[in-house]
Amino acid sequence: QVQLVESGGGLVQAGGSLRLSCAASGRTFSNYFMGWFRQAPGKEREFVAAISWNGGNIRIADSVKGRFTISTDNAKNTVYLQMNRLKPEDTAVYSCAGGAVLVYTTGQWAYWGQGTQVTVSS
């Protein structure tokens, strides 16, 4: 059974940092892309970042470019989202996803984690 388990969310002041982790298990993800999406209250889920497992293909949303980075640790089957200089508008539930195609919409991502809450106070 495929599982994606996120961790690392929490409450942080504006300007602070958090690192989210997504541990993958249950299948071989080496040919997959891994992505992070977020959903704020009352808003659609939006793309944040994605990466191929070998790290050669990375996409970052314009809204977080220069502040967020995505990386993988293949030995641990884990994907990270490092979030720096956080803003109140970054407050959302952040979810990890795995899929065969790197797309900016949610429909073609086959696997999803349960999500982790990130709250940024002003």
N, C-alpha and C. Protein backbone atom coordinates (compact mmCIF):
# COMPACT_ATOMS: atom_id res chain seq x y z
N GLN A 1 0.85 -1.19 0.00
CA GLN A 1 0.00 0.00 0.00
C GLN A 1 0.88 1.24 0.00
N VAL A 2 0.59 2.15 -0.93
CA VAL A 2 1.38 3.36 -1.03
C VAL A 2 1.01 4.31 0.09
N GLN A 3 2.04 4.86 0.70
CA GLN A 3 1.80 5.85 1.75
C GLN A 3 2.73 7.04 1.57
N LEU A 4 2.17 8.22 1.73
CA LEU A 4 2.95 9.46 1.81
C LEU A 4 2.59 10.09 3.14
N VAL A 5 3.59 10.30 3.97
CA VAL A 5 3.34 10.82 5.30
C VAL A 5 4.13 12.11 5.49
N GLU A 6 3.39 13.20 5.68
CA GLU A 6 4.03 14.50 5.88
C GLU A 6 4.28 14.76 7.36
N SER A 7 5.27 15.57 7.62
CA SER A 7 5.54 16.03 8.98
C SER A 7 6.27 17.36 8.89
N GLY A 8 6.34 18.05 10.03
CA GLY A 8 7.12 19.28 10.09
C GLY A 8 6.31 20.56 10.12
N GLY A 9 5.00 20.45 10.00
CA GLY A 9 4.18 21.65 10.06
C GLY A 9 4.12 22.22 11.47
N GLY A 10 3.53 23.40 11.59
CA GLY A 10 3.41 24.01 12.90
C GLY A 10 3.11 25.48 12.81
N LEU A 11 3.27 26.15 13.94
CA LEU A 11 3.03 27.59 14.05
C LEU A 11 4.37 28.31 14.08
N VAL A 12 4.50 29.33 13.25
CA VAL A 12 5.76 30.08 13.18
C VAL A 12 5.43 31.55 12.96
N GLN A 13 6.30 32.41 13.44
CA GLN A 13 6.10 33.85 13.21
C GLN A 13 6.55 34.22 11.80
N ALA A 14 5.97 35.29 11.30
CA ALA A 14 6.37 35.79 9.99
C ALA A 14 7.88 36.03 9.97
N GLY A 15 8.49 35.63 8.87
CA GLY A 15 9.93 35.74 8.74
C GLY A 15 10.68 34.50 9.17
N GLY A 16 9.98 33.58 9.81
CA GLY A 16 10.60 32.36 10.28
C GLY A 16 10.69 31.29 9.20
N SER A 17 11.15 30.11 9.62
CA SER A 17 11.37 28.99 8.68
C SER A 17 10.76 27.71 9.23
N LEU A 18 10.40 26.84 8.32
CA LEU A 18 9.96 25.48 8.64
C LEU A 18 10.47 24.57 7.54
N ARG A 19 10.70 23.30 7.90
CA ARG A 19 11.03 22.30 6.89
C ARG A 19 10.00 21.18 6.97
N LEU A 20 9.30 20.97 5.88
CA LEU A 20 8.34 19.88 5.80
C LEU A 20 9.01 18.66 5.19
N SER A 21 8.61 17.50 5.69
CA SER A 21 9.11 16.24 5.17
C SER A 21 7.95 15.40 4.66
N CYS A 22 8.22 14.60 3.66
CA CYS A 22 7.24 13.66 3.11
C CYS A 22 7.93 12.33 2.92
N ALA A 23 7.60 11.36 3.74
CA ALA A 23 8.19 10.03 3.66
C ALA A 23 7.32 9.15 2.79
N ALA A 24 7.91 8.55 1.76
CA ALA A 24 7.17 7.73 0.80
C ALA A 24 7.48 6.26 1.02
N SER A 25 6.45 5.43 0.91
CA SER A 25 6.64 3.98 1.05
C SER A 25 5.59 3.25 0.25
N GLY A 26 5.84 1.96 0.00
CA GLY A 26 4.83 1.12 -0.63
C GLY A 26 5.01 0.87 -2.09
N ARG A 27 5.90 1.60 -2.75
CA ARG A 27 6.19 1.35 -4.16
C ARG A 27 7.50 2.04 -4.48
N THR A 28 7.98 1.78 -5.68
CA THR A 28 9.19 2.45 -6.15
C THR A 28 8.82 3.78 -6.78
N PHE A 29 9.33 4.85 -6.21
CA PHE A 29 8.99 6.17 -6.72
C PHE A 29 10.09 6.75 -7.60
N SER A 30 11.08 5.96 -7.91
CA SER A 30 12.25 6.51 -8.60
C SER A 30 11.90 7.11 -9.95
N ASN A 31 10.84 6.63 -10.59
CA ASN A 31 10.45 7.18 -11.89
C ASN A 31 9.33 8.20 -11.77
N TYR A 32 9.01 8.58 -10.57
CA TYR A 32 7.91 9.49 -10.31
C TYR A 32 8.43 10.89 -10.00
N PHE A 33 7.51 11.83 -10.08
CA PHE A 33 7.73 13.16 -9.56
C PHE A 33 7.05 13.26 -8.20
N MET A 34 7.61 14.10 -7.36
CA MET A 34 7.00 14.37 -6.06
C MET A 34 6.71 15.85 -5.98
N GLY A 35 5.55 16.17 -5.47
CA GLY A 35 5.15 17.57 -5.42
C GLY A 35 4.60 17.98 -4.07
N TRP A 36 4.58 19.28 -3.86
CA TRP A 36 3.92 19.87 -2.69
C TRP A 36 2.84 20.82 -3.19
N PHE A 37 1.68 20.69 -2.59
CA PHE A 37 0.56 21.58 -2.85
C PHE A 37 0.11 22.16 -1.52
N ARG A 38 -0.65 23.25 -1.58
CA ARG A 38 -1.19 23.82 -0.35
C ARG A 38 -2.62 24.31 -0.59
N GLN A 39 -3.38 24.30 0.49
CA GLN A 39 -4.75 24.77 0.41
C GLN A 39 -5.05 25.62 1.63
N ALA A 40 -5.33 26.89 1.38
CA ALA A 40 -5.72 27.81 2.44
C ALA A 40 -7.23 27.77 2.60
N PRO A 41 -7.74 28.16 3.76
CA PRO A 41 -9.19 28.14 3.98
C PRO A 41 -9.93 28.94 2.91
N GLY A 42 -10.94 28.34 2.31
CA GLY A 42 -11.76 29.01 1.32
C GLY A 42 -11.14 29.15 -0.05
N LYS A 43 -9.97 28.53 -0.24
CA LYS A 43 -9.28 28.65 -1.54
C LYS A 43 -9.06 27.28 -2.16
N GLU A 44 -8.76 27.30 -3.45
CA GLU A 44 -8.44 26.07 -4.16
C GLU A 44 -7.04 25.59 -3.76
N ARG A 45 -6.84 24.29 -3.88
CA ARG A 45 -5.50 23.75 -3.65
C ARG A 45 -4.60 24.26 -4.77
N GLU A 46 -3.40 24.69 -4.41
CA GLU A 46 -2.49 25.25 -5.41
C GLU A 46 -1.13 24.60 -5.36
N PHE A 47 -0.50 24.59 -6.53
CA PHE A 47 0.84 24.02 -6.67
C PHE A 47 1.86 24.89 -5.94
N VAL A 48 2.80 24.23 -5.27
CA VAL A 48 3.89 24.94 -4.59
C VAL A 48 5.24 24.61 -5.22
N ALA A 49 5.53 23.31 -5.32
CA ALA A 49 6.83 22.90 -5.85
C ALA A 49 6.78 21.44 -6.24
N ALA A 50 7.68 21.03 -7.13
CA ALA A 50 7.78 19.62 -7.51
C ALA A 50 9.20 19.31 -7.93
N ILE A 51 9.53 18.02 -7.87
CA ILE A 51 10.89 17.59 -8.15
C ILE A 51 10.88 16.16 -8.65
N SER A 52 11.83 15.83 -9.53
CA SER A 52 12.05 14.43 -9.88
C SER A 52 12.97 13.84 -8.82
N TRP A 53 12.92 12.52 -8.64
CA TRP A 53 13.70 11.91 -7.57
C TRP A 53 15.20 12.11 -7.74
N ASN A 54 15.65 12.24 -8.99
CA ASN A 54 17.09 12.47 -9.18
C ASN A 54 17.45 13.94 -9.04
N GLY A 55 16.44 14.77 -8.78
CA GLY A 55 16.68 16.19 -8.55
C GLY A 55 16.95 17.01 -9.78
N GLY A 56 16.88 16.38 -10.95
CA GLY A 56 17.24 17.09 -12.17
C GLY A 56 16.14 17.97 -12.73
N ASN A 57 14.94 17.79 -12.24
CA ASN A 57 13.80 18.54 -12.76
C ASN A 57 13.05 19.14 -11.57
N ILE A 58 13.12 20.44 -11.44
CA ILE A 58 12.50 21.14 -10.30
C ILE A 58 11.63 22.28 -10.82
N ARG A 59 10.47 22.40 -10.21
CA ARG A 59 9.58 23.53 -10.52
C ARG A 59 9.15 24.16 -9.20
N ILE A 60 9.15 25.47 -9.16
CA ILE A 60 8.75 26.22 -7.97
C ILE A 60 7.72 27.27 -8.39
N ALA A 61 6.64 27.37 -7.65
CA ALA A 61 5.63 28.39 -7.95
C ALA A 61 6.21 29.78 -7.77
N ASP A 62 5.76 30.71 -8.60
CA ASP A 62 6.27 32.08 -8.54
C ASP A 62 6.03 32.71 -7.17
N SER A 63 4.92 32.32 -6.53
CA SER A 63 4.56 32.93 -5.25
C SER A 63 5.54 32.60 -4.13
N VAL A 64 6.31 31.54 -4.30
CA VAL A 64 7.25 31.14 -3.24
C VAL A 64 8.69 31.07 -3.73
N LYS A 65 8.91 31.39 -4.98
CA LYS A 65 10.27 31.32 -5.56
C LYS A 65 11.19 32.27 -4.81
N GLY A 66 12.37 31.76 -4.49
CA GLY A 66 13.33 32.55 -3.73
C GLY A 66 13.20 32.38 -2.23
N ARG A 67 12.10 31.79 -1.78
CA ARG A 67 11.89 31.55 -0.35
C ARG A 67 11.80 30.07 -0.02
N PHE A 68 11.22 29.27 -0.93
CA PHE A 68 11.04 27.84 -0.70
C PHE A 68 11.97 27.06 -1.62
N THR A 69 12.49 25.95 -1.10
CA THR A 69 13.25 25.02 -1.93
C THR A 69 12.74 23.60 -1.70
N ILE A 70 12.87 22.76 -2.71
CA ILE A 70 12.45 21.36 -2.62
C ILE A 70 13.65 20.48 -2.89
N SER A 71 13.73 19.37 -2.17
CA SER A 71 14.87 18.47 -2.33
C SER A 71 14.45 17.06 -1.98
N THR A 72 15.28 16.10 -2.34
CA THR A 72 14.99 14.70 -2.04
C THR A 72 16.17 14.04 -1.34
N ASP A 73 15.87 13.04 -0.56
CA ASP A 73 16.88 12.15 0.02
C ASP A 73 16.46 10.75 -0.41
N ASN A 74 17.11 10.26 -1.48
CA ASN A 74 16.70 8.99 -2.05
C ASN A 74 16.90 7.84 -1.07
N ALA A 75 17.92 7.90 -0.27
CA ALA A 75 18.20 6.82 0.69
C ALA A 75 17.08 6.71 1.72
N LYS A 76 16.43 7.83 2.00
CA LYS A 76 15.34 7.82 2.99
C LYS A 76 13.97 7.85 2.34
N ASN A 77 13.92 7.86 1.00
CA ASN A 77 12.63 7.96 0.30
C ASN A 77 11.82 9.14 0.83
N THR A 78 12.49 10.26 1.01
CA THR A 78 11.86 11.42 1.62
C THR A 78 12.07 12.66 0.76
N VAL A 79 11.03 13.45 0.67
CA VAL A 79 11.07 14.73 -0.04
C VAL A 79 10.90 15.84 0.99
N TYR A 80 11.66 16.91 0.82
CA TYR A 80 11.62 18.01 1.77
C TYR A 80 11.15 19.29 1.09
N LEU A 81 10.47 20.11 1.86
CA LEU A 81 10.14 21.46 1.42
C LEU A 81 10.68 22.42 2.49
N GLN A 82 11.76 23.11 2.16
CA GLN A 82 12.33 24.09 3.07
C GLN A 82 11.66 25.42 2.80
N MET A 83 11.05 25.98 3.83
CA MET A 83 10.30 27.23 3.70
C MET A 83 10.94 28.30 4.55
N ASN A 84 11.47 29.31 3.91
CA ASN A 84 12.13 30.42 4.60
C ASN A 84 11.35 31.71 4.39
N ARG A 85 11.61 32.67 5.24
CA ARG A 85 10.97 34.01 5.16
C ARG A 85 9.46 33.85 4.98
N LEU A 86 8.87 33.06 5.86
CA LEU A 86 7.45 32.77 5.76
C LEU A 86 6.61 34.01 5.99
N LYS A 87 5.47 34.03 5.28
CA LYS A 87 4.54 35.15 5.36
C LYS A 87 3.18 34.63 5.84
N PRO A 88 2.35 35.48 6.42
CA PRO A 88 1.01 35.03 6.84
C PRO A 88 0.22 34.40 5.70
N GLU A 89 0.43 34.87 4.48
CA GLU A 89 -0.30 34.30 3.35
C GLU A 89 0.18 32.91 2.95
N ASP A 90 1.23 32.43 3.58
CA ASP A 90 1.68 31.05 3.37
C ASP A 90 0.89 30.07 4.24
N THR A 91 0.06 30.58 5.13
CA THR A 91 -0.75 29.73 6.01
C THR A 91 -1.67 28.84 5.17
N ALA A 92 -1.57 27.53 5.39
CA ALA A 92 -2.35 26.57 4.60
C ALA A 92 -2.07 25.16 5.11
N VAL A 93 -2.86 24.22 4.62
CA VAL A 93 -2.53 22.81 4.78
C VAL A 93 -1.66 22.41 3.60
N TYR A 94 -0.47 21.90 3.89
CA TYR A 94 0.47 21.51 2.85
C TYR A 94 0.42 20.00 2.68
N SER A 95 0.25 19.58 1.43
CA SER A 95 0.13 18.15 1.12
C SER A 95 1.20 17.72 0.12
N CYS A 96 1.69 16.54 0.34
CA CYS A 96 2.67 15.92 -0.54
C CYS A 96 1.93 15.05 -1.56
N ALA A 97 2.45 14.98 -2.78
CA ALA A 97 1.82 14.18 -3.83
C ALA A 97 2.88 13.47 -4.66
N GLY A 98 2.51 12.32 -5.21
CA GLY A 98 3.39 11.58 -6.10
C GLY A 98 2.67 11.27 -7.39
N GLY A 99 3.37 11.45 -8.52
CA GLY A 99 2.74 11.19 -9.80
C GLY A 99 3.75 10.95 -10.90
N ALA A 100 3.27 10.38 -11.99
CA ALA A 100 4.13 10.04 -13.12
C ALA A 100 4.42 11.24 -14.01
N VAL A 101 3.64 12.30 -13.85
CA VAL A 101 3.79 13.48 -14.70
C VAL A 101 3.86 14.70 -13.79
N LEU A 102 4.75 15.62 -14.12
CA LEU A 102 4.84 16.86 -13.36
C LEU A 102 3.87 17.86 -13.97
N VAL A 103 2.77 18.08 -13.26
CA VAL A 103 1.79 19.05 -13.71
C VAL A 103 1.47 19.99 -12.55
N TYR A 104 0.94 21.15 -12.88
CA TYR A 104 0.67 22.14 -11.85
C TYR A 104 -0.75 22.03 -11.30
N THR A 105 -1.54 21.15 -11.86
CA THR A 105 -2.89 20.92 -11.36
C THR A 105 -2.92 19.62 -10.59
N THR A 106 -3.98 19.43 -9.81
CA THR A 106 -4.00 18.31 -8.87
C THR A 106 -4.46 16.99 -9.47
N GLY A 107 -5.19 17.03 -10.57
CA GLY A 107 -5.89 15.84 -11.05
C GLY A 107 -5.04 14.66 -11.44
N GLN A 108 -3.81 14.90 -11.91
CA GLN A 108 -2.99 13.79 -12.42
C GLN A 108 -1.99 13.28 -11.41
N TRP A 109 -2.04 13.76 -10.18
CA TRP A 109 -1.16 13.23 -9.15
C TRP A 109 -1.86 12.03 -8.51
N ALA A 110 -1.20 10.87 -8.56
CA ALA A 110 -1.85 9.62 -8.19
C ALA A 110 -1.93 9.38 -6.68
N TYR A 111 -0.95 9.88 -5.98
CA TYR A 111 -0.86 9.58 -4.54
C TYR A 111 -0.78 10.88 -3.75
N TRP A 112 -1.45 10.87 -2.59
CA TRP A 112 -1.50 12.06 -1.74
C TRP A 112 -1.28 11.70 -0.28
N GLY A 113 -0.61 12.57 0.43
CA GLY A 113 -0.52 12.44 1.87
C GLY A 113 -1.72 13.09 2.53
N GLN A 114 -1.73 13.03 3.86
CA GLN A 114 -2.89 13.53 4.61
C GLN A 114 -2.83 15.03 4.84
N GLY A 115 -1.64 15.61 4.66
CA GLY A 115 -1.49 17.05 4.84
C GLY A 115 -0.97 17.41 6.22
N THR A 116 -0.30 18.55 6.28
CA THR A 116 0.19 19.08 7.54
C THR A 116 -0.07 20.58 7.57
N GLN A 117 -0.53 21.06 8.72
CA GLN A 117 -0.92 22.46 8.85
C GLN A 117 0.30 23.34 9.08
N VAL A 118 0.37 24.41 8.31
CA VAL A 118 1.38 25.45 8.53
C VAL A 118 0.64 26.75 8.80
N THR A 119 0.93 27.36 9.95
CA THR A 119 0.30 28.61 10.31
C THR A 119 1.39 29.65 10.58
N VAL A 120 1.29 30.78 9.87
CA VAL A 120 2.28 31.84 10.01
C VAL A 120 1.58 33.04 10.64
N SER A 121 2.04 33.43 11.81
CA SER A 121 1.43 34.57 12.51
C SER A 121 2.16 35.86 12.14
N SER A 122 1.40 36.94 12.15
CA SER A 122 2.00 38.24 11.79
C SER A 122 2.55 38.96 12.99
